[in-house]
Amino acid sequence: MDRRKFLNIGAGAVVAAGFGGLTASAKAADGLRRRAARYNVAVTWARKLEQDGRAVIVAPDNTCGIDTLTKDKNALKLFYQKGYEDGHGLAKRL
């Protein structure tokens, strides 16, 4: 039986007491908890670069009601076509 003690050290991080750091599963859980915050920081940074004229964000203006995990092939084809057309429109402006 595993007798390690786990301590919550704040911000969702868990340390295996006496074993010098996060366990692999604790590291994975901690990474998942921090994922949204890292994503939001990256989006803010990209938008700032775009405002400064140093980057172009290529992303759909809307998701056309498609769920990110959809398996509907027709919906995915329509969304692909929209992205393809939007990309051509962007290329003409650059």
C-alpha atoms as a PDB file:
ATOM      1  CA  MET A   1       0.000   0.000   0.000  1.00  0.00           C
ATOM      2  CA  ASP A   2       1.253   3.476  -0.926  1.00  0.00           C
ATOM      3  CA  ARG A   3       1.693   5.443   2.300  1.00  0.00           C
ATOM      4  CA  ARG A   4       2.775   8.771   0.804  1.00  0.00           C
ATOM      5  CA  LYS A   5       1.046  11.825   2.205  1.00  0.00           C
ATOM      6  CA  PHE A   6      -0.157  14.439  -0.254  1.00  0.00           C
ATOM      7  CA  LEU A   7      -0.238  18.106   0.662  1.00  0.00           C
ATOM      8  CA  ASN A   8      -2.230  20.813  -1.092  1.00  0.00           C
ATOM      9  CA  ILE A   9       0.165  23.752  -1.403  1.00  0.00           C
ATOM     10  CA  GLY A  10      -2.253  26.196  -2.990  1.00  0.00           C
ATOM     11  CA  ALA A  11      -3.189  27.097  -6.568  1.00  0.00           C
ATOM     12  CA  GLY A  12      -4.199  23.500  -7.069  1.00  0.00           C
ATOM     13  CA  ALA A  13      -0.658  22.119  -6.748  1.00  0.00           C
ATOM     14  CA  VAL A  14      -0.198  18.904  -4.761  1.00  0.00           C
ATOM     15  CA  VAL A  15       3.127  17.695  -3.408  1.00  0.00           C
ATOM     16  CA  ALA A  16       3.990  14.187  -2.314  1.00  0.00           C
ATOM     17  CA  ALA A  17       5.396  14.836   1.140  1.00  0.00           C
ATOM     18  CA  GLY A  18       8.902  13.521   1.622  1.00  0.00           C
ATOM     19  CA  PHE A  19       9.431  12.689  -2.054  1.00  0.00           C
ATOM     20  CA  GLY A  20      10.846  15.997  -3.246  1.00  0.00           C
ATOM     21  CA  GLY A  21       8.212  17.306  -5.620  1.00  0.00           C
ATOM     22  CA  LEU A  22       5.099  16.740  -7.599  1.00  0.00           C
ATOM     23  CA  THR A  23       4.112  13.264  -8.663  1.00  0.00           C
ATOM     24  CA  ALA A  24       3.515  12.723 -12.381  1.00  0.00           C
ATOM     25  CA  SER A  25      -0.255  12.709 -11.974  1.00  0.00           C
ATOM     26  CA  ALA A  26      -0.130  15.794  -9.751  1.00  0.00           C
ATOM     27  CA  LYS A  27       1.963  17.583 -12.386  1.00  0.00           C
ATOM     28  CA  ALA A  28      -0.559  16.661 -15.064  1.00  0.00           C
ATOM     29  CA  ALA A  29      -3.473  17.834 -12.929  1.00  0.00           C
ATOM     30  CA  ASP A  30      -1.664  21.073 -12.115  1.00  0.00           C
ATOM     31  CA  GLY A  31      -0.964  21.667 -15.810  1.00  0.00           C
ATOM     32  CA  LEU A  32      -4.614  21.147 -16.694  1.00  0.00           C
ATOM     33  CA  ARG A  33      -5.715  23.573 -13.980  1.00  0.00           C
ATOM     34  CA  ARG A  34      -3.366  26.258 -15.299  1.00  0.00           C
ATOM     35  CA  ARG A  35      -4.161  25.666 -18.995  1.00  0.00           C
ATOM     36  CA  ALA A  36      -6.964  28.224 -19.312  1.00  0.00           C
ATOM     37  CA  ALA A  37      -4.891  30.949 -17.660  1.00  0.00           C
ATOM     38  CA  ARG A  38      -1.919  30.283 -19.977  1.00  0.00           C
ATOM     39  CA  TYR A  39      -4.238  30.314 -23.000  1.00  0.00           C
ATOM     40  CA  ASN A  40      -5.778  33.643 -21.959  1.00  0.00           C
ATOM     41  CA  VAL A  41      -2.346  35.212 -21.468  1.00  0.00           C
ATOM     42  CA  ALA A  42      -1.290  34.023 -24.942  1.00  0.00           C
ATOM     43  CA  VAL A  43      -4.469  35.389 -26.571  1.00  0.00           C
ATOM     44  CA  THR A  44      -3.995  38.772 -24.862  1.00  0.00           C
ATOM     45  CA  TRP A  45      -0.375  38.885 -26.053  1.00  0.00           C
ATOM     46  CA  ALA A  46      -1.361  37.958 -29.635  1.00  0.00           C
ATOM     47  CA  ARG A  47      -4.064  40.645 -29.712  1.00  0.00           C
ATOM     48  CA  LYS A  48      -1.538  43.231 -28.499  1.00  0.00           C
ATOM     49  CA  LEU A  49       0.863  42.207 -31.284  1.00  0.00           C
ATOM     50  CA  GLU A  50      -1.970  42.516 -33.791  1.00  0.00           C
ATOM     51  CA  GLN A  51      -2.865  46.002 -32.514  1.00  0.00           C
ATOM     52  CA  ASP A  52       0.798  46.996 -32.867  1.00  0.00           C
ATOM     53  CA  GLY A  53       0.806  45.755 -36.461  1.00  0.00           C
ATOM     54  CA  ARG A  54       3.331  43.015 -35.666  1.00  0.00           C
ATOM     55  CA  ALA A  55       1.024  40.004 -36.161  1.00  0.00           C
ATOM     56  CA  VAL A  56      -2.067  38.871 -38.016  1.00  0.00           C
ATOM     57  CA  ILE A  57      -4.488  36.615 -36.184  1.00  0.00           C
ATOM     58  CA  VAL A  58      -5.994  34.013 -38.474  1.00  0.00           C
ATOM     59  CA  ALA A  59      -9.045  32.622 -36.706  1.00  0.00           C
ATOM     60  CA  PRO A  60     -12.721  32.127 -37.483  1.00  0.00           C
ATOM     61  CA  ASP A  61     -14.968  35.101 -36.755  1.00  0.00           C
ATOM     62  CA  ASN A  62     -17.490  32.599 -35.380  1.00  0.00           C
ATOM     63  CA  THR A  63     -17.781  28.849 -35.002  1.00  0.00           C
ATOM     64  CA  CYS A  64     -21.057  28.586 -36.930  1.00  0.00           C
ATOM     65  CA  GLY A  65     -22.606  26.774 -33.991  1.00  0.00           C
ATOM     66  CA  ILE A  66     -20.236  23.830 -34.329  1.00  0.00           C
ATOM     67  CA  ASP A  67     -19.184  22.130 -31.099  1.00  0.00           C
ATOM     68  CA  THR A  68     -15.424  21.651 -30.801  1.00  0.00           C
ATOM     69  CA  LEU A  69     -15.847  17.888 -30.444  1.00  0.00           C
ATOM     70  CA  THR A  70     -18.343  17.402 -33.268  1.00  0.00           C
ATOM     71  CA  LYS A  71     -18.091  14.381 -35.518  1.00  0.00           C
ATOM     72  CA  ASP A  72     -20.686  15.706 -37.978  1.00  0.00           C
ATOM     73  CA  LYS A  73     -18.796  15.456 -41.275  1.00  0.00           C
ATOM     74  CA  ASN A  74     -21.145  17.834 -43.131  1.00  0.00           C
ATOM     75  CA  ALA A  75     -20.794  20.504 -40.453  1.00  0.00           C
ATOM     76  CA  LEU A  76     -17.008  20.106 -40.494  1.00  0.00           C
ATOM     77  CA  LYS A  77     -16.899  20.388 -44.290  1.00  0.00           C
ATOM     78  CA  LEU A  78     -18.962  23.602 -44.183  1.00  0.00           C
ATOM     79  CA  PHE A  79     -16.741  25.027 -41.462  1.00  0.00           C
ATOM     80  CA  TYR A  80     -13.630  24.085 -43.453  1.00  0.00           C
ATOM     81  CA  GLN A  81     -15.044  25.782 -46.548  1.00  0.00           C
ATOM     82  CA  LYS A  82     -15.790  28.937 -44.530  1.00  0.00           C
ATOM     83  CA  GLY A  83     -12.212  28.964 -43.227  1.00  0.00           C
ATOM     84  CA  TYR A  84     -10.829  28.414 -46.704  1.00  0.00           C
ATOM     85  CA  GLU A  85     -12.817  31.341 -48.099  1.00  0.00           C
ATOM     86  CA  ASP A  86     -11.949  33.569 -45.146  1.00  0.00           C
ATOM     87  CA  GLY A  87      -8.268  32.717 -45.660  1.00  0.00           C
ATOM     88  CA  HIS A  88      -8.422  33.777 -49.294  1.00  0.00           C
ATOM     89  CA  GLY A  89     -10.075  37.042 -48.283  1.00  0.00           C
ATOM     90  CA  LEU A  90      -7.343  37.665 -45.711  1.00  0.00           C
ATOM     91  CA  ALA A  91      -4.598  36.877 -48.222  1.00  0.00           C
ATOM     92  CA  LYS A  92      -5.980  39.500 -50.604  1.00  0.00           C
ATOM     93  CA  ARG A  93      -5.808  42.150 -47.865  1.00  0.00           C
ATOM     94  CA  LEU A  94      -2.184  41.418 -46.953  1.00  0.00           C
END
